[in-house]
Every structure is written in structure tokens, then in C-alpha cells.
Amino acid sequence: MQLAATRIFTDDVDALVTFYETATGLIAERLHPMFAELRTPSGTLAIASAATVPLLGEQVAEPRANRSVTLDFLVDDVDATYTALQNVVEVFVNEPTDMPWGNRSLLIRDPDGNLINIFTPISEAAQDRFSNEAQD
């Protein structure tokens, strides 16, 4: 089994796509006006309209209701990313902070309130772990 994508349901696909394109520098592939994907070598972030939820089952998902999932984005320099996002992000949960597991992390919220962790491995063990994952 392979994790193919992480999907966010939203009431405003265009706004969320614009946010993630600006924040990540990626260009979304619009497969349909109600669906887009931002692809990276390690995974895909899918953005779908809340109007598609009934196709999956009544009330199986609710936009803007997430309080248990965080999207993690690995960057080369979290401090430079923090500076670059000053005019893009409305809600900074914290400033870049060294975490006990070896990453320097920045927590932000996207326009729908989803939590995003932007991080750079700073300890030798964390750098080795992400270096090894990139080779797999």
C-alpha cells in the first residue's frame, strides 16, 4: 500500500490553491474546477471543493473543521521561509523554534485554519533521517 495523497476539503478551492502555490512555490494541476493537486516527489496535496463531499457519502467531511492533522513541509531553511511568508500567511502559530526531536519548525495556519508545520532538520540525527528517506 502507498499513501497517494492528502486531501483538504474547502469551500473556496481557488483561495486555497492560491495560498499553497504562493506558500510552496509549486504550481497546482487543476484536474477540475472543484479539484486540484500540488505534487512533490514525496507526496501530493489534493484540494477539493466541499461540493464533492456528497459524492463520498453524506457529511463524511467538513471544511474548516480540522483540529487533529498537521501538514508537514520540509524546506532547506525554515528561517528564510518564515521571512518569505510574512506577506502570505495571516496566522503564524509560532516563530521558528528548535524542537527536541532535531527539527527547527514553524507552525502556520492556511486560510481554512489547517495547521501547517514547515521545518528544517538541524540535528545530525534528523538530517540523517531525512537524507535516508530521500534515498529510498
N, C-alpha and C. Protein backbone atom coordinates (compact mmCIF):
# COMPACT_ATOMS: atom_id res chain seq x y z
N MET A 1 0.83 -1.17 0.00
CA MET A 1 0.00 0.00 0.00
C MET A 1 0.89 1.24 0.00
N GLN A 2 0.44 2.27 -0.69
CA GLN A 2 1.19 3.52 -0.78
C GLN A 2 0.25 4.68 -0.53
N LEU A 3 0.65 5.61 0.33
CA LEU A 3 -0.14 6.82 0.54
C LEU A 3 -0.02 7.66 -0.72
N ALA A 4 -1.15 7.89 -1.40
CA ALA A 4 -1.14 8.59 -2.68
C ALA A 4 -1.28 10.10 -2.52
N ALA A 5 -2.09 10.54 -1.55
CA ALA A 5 -2.30 11.98 -1.40
C ALA A 5 -2.95 12.27 -0.06
N THR A 6 -2.84 13.52 0.34
CA THR A 6 -3.57 14.07 1.46
C THR A 6 -4.53 15.09 0.86
N ARG A 7 -5.82 15.01 1.23
CA ARG A 7 -6.83 15.87 0.60
C ARG A 7 -7.45 16.80 1.64
N ILE A 8 -7.59 18.05 1.25
CA ILE A 8 -8.27 19.04 2.07
C ILE A 8 -9.57 19.41 1.35
N PHE A 9 -10.68 19.35 2.07
CA PHE A 9 -11.95 19.83 1.53
C PHE A 9 -12.12 21.29 1.95
N THR A 10 -12.58 22.11 1.02
CA THR A 10 -12.70 23.54 1.27
C THR A 10 -13.93 24.11 0.58
N ASP A 11 -14.39 25.24 1.09
CA ASP A 11 -15.48 25.96 0.44
C ASP A 11 -14.95 26.89 -0.64
N ASP A 12 -13.61 27.10 -0.70
CA ASP A 12 -13.03 28.02 -1.68
C ASP A 12 -11.75 27.42 -2.26
N VAL A 13 -11.91 26.59 -3.27
CA VAL A 13 -10.77 25.91 -3.90
C VAL A 13 -9.76 26.92 -4.43
N ASP A 14 -10.23 27.95 -5.11
CA ASP A 14 -9.32 28.92 -5.70
C ASP A 14 -8.44 29.60 -4.65
N ALA A 15 -9.04 30.01 -3.53
CA ALA A 15 -8.26 30.68 -2.48
C ALA A 15 -7.23 29.75 -1.88
N LEU A 16 -7.60 28.49 -1.62
CA LEU A 16 -6.66 27.56 -1.02
C LEU A 16 -5.55 27.18 -2.00
N VAL A 17 -5.89 26.99 -3.26
CA VAL A 17 -4.87 26.70 -4.27
C VAL A 17 -3.89 27.87 -4.37
N THR A 18 -4.40 29.08 -4.42
CA THR A 18 -3.52 30.26 -4.50
C THR A 18 -2.61 30.33 -3.29
N PHE A 19 -3.15 30.08 -2.10
CA PHE A 19 -2.33 30.11 -0.89
C PHE A 19 -1.20 29.09 -0.97
N TYR A 20 -1.52 27.83 -1.28
CA TYR A 20 -0.49 26.79 -1.31
C TYR A 20 0.51 27.00 -2.45
N GLU A 21 0.06 27.50 -3.58
CA GLU A 21 1.01 27.81 -4.66
C GLU A 21 1.99 28.89 -4.21
N THR A 22 1.46 29.93 -3.57
CA THR A 22 2.32 31.03 -3.12
C THR A 22 3.24 30.59 -1.99
N ALA A 23 2.70 29.84 -1.04
CA ALA A 23 3.49 29.42 0.12
C ALA A 23 4.56 28.40 -0.23
N THR A 24 4.30 27.53 -1.21
CA THR A 24 5.24 26.45 -1.52
C THR A 24 6.07 26.69 -2.78
N GLY A 25 5.62 27.58 -3.65
CA GLY A 25 6.30 27.77 -4.93
C GLY A 25 5.94 26.71 -5.95
N LEU A 26 5.02 25.82 -5.61
CA LEU A 26 4.56 24.78 -6.54
C LEU A 26 3.41 25.31 -7.38
N ILE A 27 3.18 24.70 -8.52
CA ILE A 27 2.04 25.04 -9.36
C ILE A 27 1.06 23.87 -9.31
N ALA A 28 -0.18 24.19 -8.97
CA ALA A 28 -1.21 23.15 -8.87
C ALA A 28 -1.66 22.72 -10.26
N GLU A 29 -1.98 21.44 -10.36
CA GLU A 29 -2.61 20.92 -11.57
C GLU A 29 -4.11 20.90 -11.29
N ARG A 30 -4.86 21.67 -12.09
CA ARG A 30 -6.31 21.75 -11.90
C ARG A 30 -6.94 20.65 -12.75
N LEU A 31 -7.36 19.57 -12.11
CA LEU A 31 -7.97 18.45 -12.81
C LEU A 31 -9.44 18.72 -13.12
N HIS A 32 -10.03 19.65 -12.38
CA HIS A 32 -11.44 20.01 -12.50
C HIS A 32 -11.60 21.32 -11.72
N PRO A 33 -12.59 22.14 -12.04
CA PRO A 33 -12.78 23.36 -11.25
C PRO A 33 -12.96 23.10 -9.75
N MET A 34 -13.38 21.88 -9.39
CA MET A 34 -13.58 21.56 -7.98
C MET A 34 -12.44 20.74 -7.38
N PHE A 35 -11.31 20.60 -8.11
CA PHE A 35 -10.25 19.72 -7.63
C PHE A 35 -8.91 20.14 -8.21
N ALA A 36 -7.89 20.16 -7.34
CA ALA A 36 -6.53 20.49 -7.76
C ALA A 36 -5.54 19.64 -6.98
N GLU A 37 -4.35 19.45 -7.55
CA GLU A 37 -3.29 18.71 -6.87
C GLU A 37 -1.98 19.50 -6.96
N LEU A 38 -1.27 19.52 -5.84
CA LEU A 38 0.09 20.05 -5.80
C LEU A 38 0.98 18.84 -5.53
N ARG A 39 1.82 18.51 -6.50
CA ARG A 39 2.62 17.29 -6.41
C ARG A 39 4.07 17.60 -6.06
N THR A 40 4.61 16.75 -5.19
CA THR A 40 6.03 16.81 -4.84
C THR A 40 6.59 15.41 -5.05
N PRO A 41 7.90 15.24 -5.04
CA PRO A 41 8.46 13.90 -5.18
C PRO A 41 8.04 12.94 -4.07
N SER A 42 7.67 13.47 -2.91
CA SER A 42 7.34 12.59 -1.79
C SER A 42 5.85 12.49 -1.49
N GLY A 43 5.02 13.27 -2.17
CA GLY A 43 3.59 13.18 -1.91
C GLY A 43 2.80 14.25 -2.63
N THR A 44 1.48 14.12 -2.57
CA THR A 44 0.58 15.03 -3.26
C THR A 44 -0.39 15.63 -2.25
N LEU A 45 -0.58 16.94 -2.36
CA LEU A 45 -1.60 17.62 -1.60
C LEU A 45 -2.75 17.90 -2.55
N ALA A 46 -3.90 17.30 -2.27
CA ALA A 46 -5.09 17.49 -3.09
C ALA A 46 -6.01 18.48 -2.40
N ILE A 47 -6.64 19.34 -3.19
CA ILE A 47 -7.59 20.32 -2.68
C ILE A 47 -8.89 20.11 -3.42
N ALA A 48 -9.96 19.83 -2.67
CA ALA A 48 -11.25 19.51 -3.28
C ALA A 48 -12.34 20.41 -2.71
N SER A 49 -13.28 20.72 -3.55
CA SER A 49 -14.43 21.51 -3.13
C SER A 49 -15.30 20.71 -2.17
N ALA A 50 -15.86 21.40 -1.19
CA ALA A 50 -16.80 20.76 -0.28
C ALA A 50 -18.02 20.23 -1.04
N ALA A 51 -18.26 20.76 -2.23
CA ALA A 51 -19.37 20.28 -3.05
C ALA A 51 -19.17 18.83 -3.49
N THR A 52 -17.95 18.32 -3.40
CA THR A 52 -17.69 16.93 -3.78
C THR A 52 -17.95 15.95 -2.64
N VAL A 53 -18.11 16.44 -1.43
CA VAL A 53 -18.29 15.56 -0.27
C VAL A 53 -19.49 14.62 -0.43
N PRO A 54 -20.67 15.08 -0.91
CA PRO A 54 -21.79 14.15 -1.05
C PRO A 54 -21.51 12.98 -2.00
N LEU A 55 -20.55 13.13 -2.89
CA LEU A 55 -20.17 12.02 -3.77
C LEU A 55 -19.53 10.88 -2.97
N LEU A 56 -18.96 11.20 -1.82
CA LEU A 56 -18.29 10.22 -0.97
C LEU A 56 -19.22 9.64 0.08
N GLY A 57 -20.26 10.36 0.40
CA GLY A 57 -21.21 9.97 1.44
C GLY A 57 -21.65 11.21 2.18
N GLU A 58 -22.86 11.22 2.62
CA GLU A 58 -23.38 12.41 3.30
C GLU A 58 -22.59 12.74 4.55
N GLN A 59 -22.13 13.97 4.65
CA GLN A 59 -21.46 14.53 5.81
C GLN A 59 -20.25 13.73 6.28
N VAL A 60 -19.50 13.13 5.35
CA VAL A 60 -18.30 12.39 5.74
C VAL A 60 -17.11 13.31 6.00
N ALA A 61 -17.18 14.54 5.52
CA ALA A 61 -16.11 15.52 5.75
C ALA A 61 -16.73 16.90 5.88
N GLU A 62 -16.00 17.78 6.58
CA GLU A 62 -16.48 19.13 6.82
C GLU A 62 -15.32 20.12 6.67
N PRO A 63 -15.43 21.08 5.77
CA PRO A 63 -14.37 22.06 5.61
C PRO A 63 -14.17 22.89 6.89
N ARG A 64 -12.95 23.32 7.10
CA ARG A 64 -12.59 24.23 8.19
C ARG A 64 -12.83 23.63 9.58
N ALA A 65 -12.87 22.31 9.69
CA ALA A 65 -13.16 21.68 10.96
C ALA A 65 -11.98 20.88 11.52
N ASN A 66 -10.83 20.92 10.87
CA ASN A 66 -9.68 20.10 11.27
C ASN A 66 -9.02 20.64 12.52
N ARG A 67 -8.81 19.78 13.48
CA ARG A 67 -8.05 20.11 14.68
C ARG A 67 -7.16 18.94 15.09
N SER A 68 -6.93 17.99 14.15
CA SER A 68 -6.15 16.82 14.54
C SER A 68 -5.08 16.42 13.53
N VAL A 69 -4.97 17.12 12.41
CA VAL A 69 -4.00 16.75 11.38
C VAL A 69 -3.13 17.97 11.08
N THR A 70 -1.84 17.72 10.90
CA THR A 70 -0.90 18.77 10.51
C THR A 70 -0.23 18.36 9.21
N LEU A 71 -0.11 19.28 8.29
CA LEU A 71 0.66 19.05 7.06
C LEU A 71 2.10 19.47 7.33
N ASP A 72 3.06 18.61 7.02
CA ASP A 72 4.47 18.89 7.24
C ASP A 72 5.16 19.15 5.91
N PHE A 73 5.84 20.28 5.82
CA PHE A 73 6.61 20.63 4.63
C PHE A 73 8.08 20.80 5.01
N LEU A 74 8.95 20.01 4.40
CA LEU A 74 10.39 20.07 4.59
C LEU A 74 10.96 21.16 3.69
N VAL A 75 11.73 22.09 4.26
CA VAL A 75 12.37 23.16 3.49
C VAL A 75 13.85 23.21 3.84
N ASP A 76 14.62 23.85 2.97
CA ASP A 76 16.06 23.97 3.20
C ASP A 76 16.39 24.91 4.36
N ASP A 77 15.59 25.97 4.52
CA ASP A 77 15.89 26.99 5.53
C ASP A 77 14.58 27.55 6.09
N VAL A 78 14.17 27.06 7.24
CA VAL A 78 12.89 27.47 7.82
C VAL A 78 12.88 28.96 8.16
N ASP A 79 14.02 29.51 8.56
CA ASP A 79 14.06 30.93 8.89
C ASP A 79 13.86 31.81 7.65
N ALA A 80 14.45 31.42 6.55
CA ALA A 80 14.25 32.16 5.30
C ALA A 80 12.81 32.02 4.82
N THR A 81 12.23 30.84 5.01
CA THR A 81 10.83 30.63 4.63
C THR A 81 9.91 31.48 5.49
N TYR A 82 10.20 31.58 6.77
CA TYR A 82 9.42 32.44 7.67
C TYR A 82 9.42 33.88 7.16
N THR A 83 10.57 34.37 6.79
CA THR A 83 10.67 35.73 6.25
C THR A 83 9.88 35.86 4.96
N ALA A 84 10.00 34.88 4.07
CA ALA A 84 9.32 34.94 2.78
C ALA A 84 7.80 34.88 2.91
N LEU A 85 7.30 34.28 3.97
CA LEU A 85 5.85 34.11 4.13
C LEU A 85 5.17 35.26 4.87
N GLN A 86 5.91 36.27 5.26
CA GLN A 86 5.33 37.36 6.06
C GLN A 86 4.12 38.02 5.39
N ASN A 87 4.13 38.15 4.08
CA ASN A 87 3.02 38.79 3.36
C ASN A 87 2.03 37.79 2.79
N VAL A 88 2.22 36.51 3.09
CA VAL A 88 1.37 35.45 2.54
C VAL A 88 0.47 34.85 3.63
N VAL A 89 1.03 34.64 4.79
CA VAL A 89 0.34 33.95 5.88
C VAL A 89 -0.33 34.96 6.80
N GLU A 90 -1.59 34.69 7.13
CA GLU A 90 -2.31 35.56 8.08
C GLU A 90 -2.09 35.13 9.52
N VAL A 91 -1.98 33.81 9.75
CA VAL A 91 -1.86 33.31 11.13
C VAL A 91 -0.57 32.52 11.30
N PHE A 92 0.36 33.11 12.04
CA PHE A 92 1.56 32.40 12.47
C PHE A 92 1.29 31.88 13.88
N VAL A 93 1.34 30.56 14.05
CA VAL A 93 1.11 29.96 15.36
C VAL A 93 2.32 30.19 16.25
N ASN A 94 3.50 30.14 15.64
CA ASN A 94 4.73 30.43 16.37
C ASN A 94 5.77 30.95 15.39
N GLU A 95 6.91 31.33 15.91
CA GLU A 95 8.07 31.67 15.09
C GLU A 95 8.93 30.43 15.00
N PRO A 96 9.93 30.40 14.11
CA PRO A 96 10.80 29.22 14.05
C PRO A 96 11.35 28.86 15.43
N THR A 97 11.20 27.58 15.77
CA THR A 97 11.54 27.08 17.10
C THR A 97 12.28 25.76 16.98
N ASP A 98 13.34 25.58 17.75
CA ASP A 98 14.06 24.31 17.77
C ASP A 98 13.27 23.30 18.59
N MET A 99 12.99 22.15 17.98
CA MET A 99 12.21 21.10 18.63
C MET A 99 13.15 20.03 19.18
N PRO A 100 12.73 19.34 20.25
CA PRO A 100 13.61 18.35 20.89
C PRO A 100 13.95 17.16 20.00
N TRP A 101 13.20 16.92 18.92
CA TRP A 101 13.48 15.78 18.04
C TRP A 101 14.40 16.15 16.89
N GLY A 102 14.96 17.38 16.93
CA GLY A 102 16.01 17.73 15.99
C GLY A 102 15.61 18.59 14.80
N ASN A 103 14.38 19.06 14.76
CA ASN A 103 13.94 19.93 13.68
C ASN A 103 13.77 21.36 14.19
N ARG A 104 13.96 22.31 13.30
CA ARG A 104 13.59 23.70 13.55
C ARG A 104 12.27 23.89 12.81
N SER A 105 11.21 24.24 13.54
CA SER A 105 9.86 24.23 12.98
C SER A 105 9.17 25.57 13.09
N LEU A 106 8.33 25.83 12.12
CA LEU A 106 7.45 27.00 12.07
C LEU A 106 6.04 26.49 11.87
N LEU A 107 5.11 26.88 12.73
CA LEU A 107 3.71 26.48 12.59
C LEU A 107 2.89 27.67 12.11
N ILE A 108 2.10 27.42 11.05
CA ILE A 108 1.22 28.44 10.48
C ILE A 108 -0.15 27.81 10.25
N ARG A 109 -1.13 28.63 9.92
CA ARG A 109 -2.44 28.13 9.51
C ARG A 109 -2.73 28.62 8.09
N ASP A 110 -3.33 27.72 7.28
CA ASP A 110 -3.75 28.13 5.95
C ASP A 110 -5.06 28.91 6.07
N PRO A 111 -5.60 29.44 4.96
CA PRO A 111 -6.82 30.25 5.06
C PRO A 111 -8.03 29.52 5.64
N ASP A 112 -8.05 28.20 5.59
CA ASP A 112 -9.14 27.43 6.19
C ASP A 112 -8.86 27.04 7.64
N GLY A 113 -7.71 27.43 8.17
CA GLY A 113 -7.37 27.13 9.55
C GLY A 113 -6.60 25.84 9.76
N ASN A 114 -6.25 25.14 8.68
CA ASN A 114 -5.48 23.90 8.81
C ASN A 114 -4.07 24.23 9.28
N LEU A 115 -3.55 23.39 10.18
CA LEU A 115 -2.22 23.61 10.75
C LEU A 115 -1.16 23.08 9.80
N ILE A 116 -0.13 23.89 9.58
CA ILE A 116 0.98 23.52 8.70
C ILE A 116 2.28 23.68 9.48
N ASN A 117 3.10 22.64 9.45
CA ASN A 117 4.42 22.66 10.06
C ASN A 117 5.44 22.74 8.94
N ILE A 118 6.23 23.80 8.94
CA ILE A 118 7.31 23.97 7.98
C ILE A 118 8.59 23.77 8.77
N PHE A 119 9.45 22.86 8.32
CA PHE A 119 10.58 22.52 9.16
C PHE A 119 11.85 22.25 8.36
N THR A 120 12.96 22.37 9.09
CA THR A 120 14.29 22.05 8.58
C THR A 120 14.97 21.16 9.63
N PRO A 121 15.49 19.99 9.23
CA PRO A 121 16.24 19.17 10.18
C PRO A 121 17.53 19.89 10.56
N ILE A 122 17.79 20.01 11.87
CA ILE A 122 19.01 20.72 12.29
C ILE A 122 19.98 19.82 13.06
N SER A 123 19.47 18.78 13.70
CA SER A 123 20.39 17.88 14.39
C SER A 123 20.95 16.88 13.38
N GLU A 124 22.07 16.31 13.72
CA GLU A 124 22.69 15.33 12.82
C GLU A 124 21.75 14.14 12.59
N ALA A 125 21.11 13.68 13.66
CA ALA A 125 20.20 12.53 13.54
C ALA A 125 19.02 12.85 12.61
N ALA A 126 18.44 14.05 12.76
CA ALA A 126 17.31 14.43 11.90
C ALA A 126 17.77 14.60 10.46
N GLN A 127 18.93 15.19 10.26
CA GLN A 127 19.46 15.35 8.90
C GLN A 127 19.69 13.99 8.27
N ASP A 128 20.25 13.05 9.04
CA ASP A 128 20.48 11.70 8.52
C ASP A 128 19.16 11.02 8.18
N ARG A 129 18.16 11.16 9.05
CA ARG A 129 16.87 10.52 8.81
C ARG A 129 16.24 11.01 7.51
N PHE A 130 16.23 12.31 7.28
CA PHE A 130 15.62 12.83 6.07
C PHE A 130 16.49 12.60 4.85
N SER A 131 17.79 12.52 5.02
CA SER A 131 18.67 12.18 3.92
C SER A 131 18.43 10.75 3.48
N ASN A 132 18.26 9.84 4.45
CA ASN A 132 18.00 8.43 4.13
C ASN A 132 16.63 8.25 3.49
N GLU A 133 15.61 9.00 3.95
CA GLU A 133 14.29 8.91 3.35
C GLU A 133 14.30 9.36 1.89
N ALA A 134 15.11 10.37 1.60
CA ALA A 134 15.18 10.87 0.22
C ALA A 134 15.79 9.84 -0.73
N GLN A 135 16.62 8.94 -0.18
CA GLN A 135 17.27 7.93 -1.00
C GLN A 135 16.39 6.71 -1.24
N ASP A 136 15.38 6.50 -0.39
CA ASP A 136 14.50 5.32 -0.51
C ASP A 136 13.61 5.40 -1.72
